[in-house]
Amino acid sequence: MRAAFFIQRALATNRRVNKDPDAPAPVTVRQVLQCATVNGARCAALLDKCGTLTPGKEADIVMIRADGMNVYPLNNALGTVVQAADVGNVDTVIIGGAIRKRRGALVGVDMQRFRQLVDESRSYLFGKANYTLDILS
């Protein structure tokens, strides 16, 4: 959202500065958030299932902490979500009504097993590609 917001605004401003009569208006944080939520669901043909907090739809919710250094003080909730918050600010994630992340930690994920599977997958793929891992290159 942040990248889309700032890139669109920079391009729109550049066009206005260069006297383009068809320069678009800068997007708002509300428009970008709607694009990422309700309009994203609409584009994916899932609007009847998700995209808005509506009774009967799946509850897909991301709760963002607003006390982190990168978002404090909170002056505008939508602006904070679109322009400042990042993955480190995500406190809770609810997907289809089930809590998947709480207080910043994944729920129901064996991280030791996950890391083992990732390491095994990486080793397999690098072996097939005849690639030697060098983490300092």
Foldseek 3Di string as FASTA:
>chain_A
DQVVQVVLQVQLVVCVVVVNPPRDDRDDLVVVVLCVAQVVCVVVVNNVAGRDPDPPHFDWDWDFAQPDPQRPPPDDVSCCVRHTDDLQRTAWTATSNRTQHHRSHGPPDPVVVVVVVVVVVVVVVCVVVVHDDDPVD
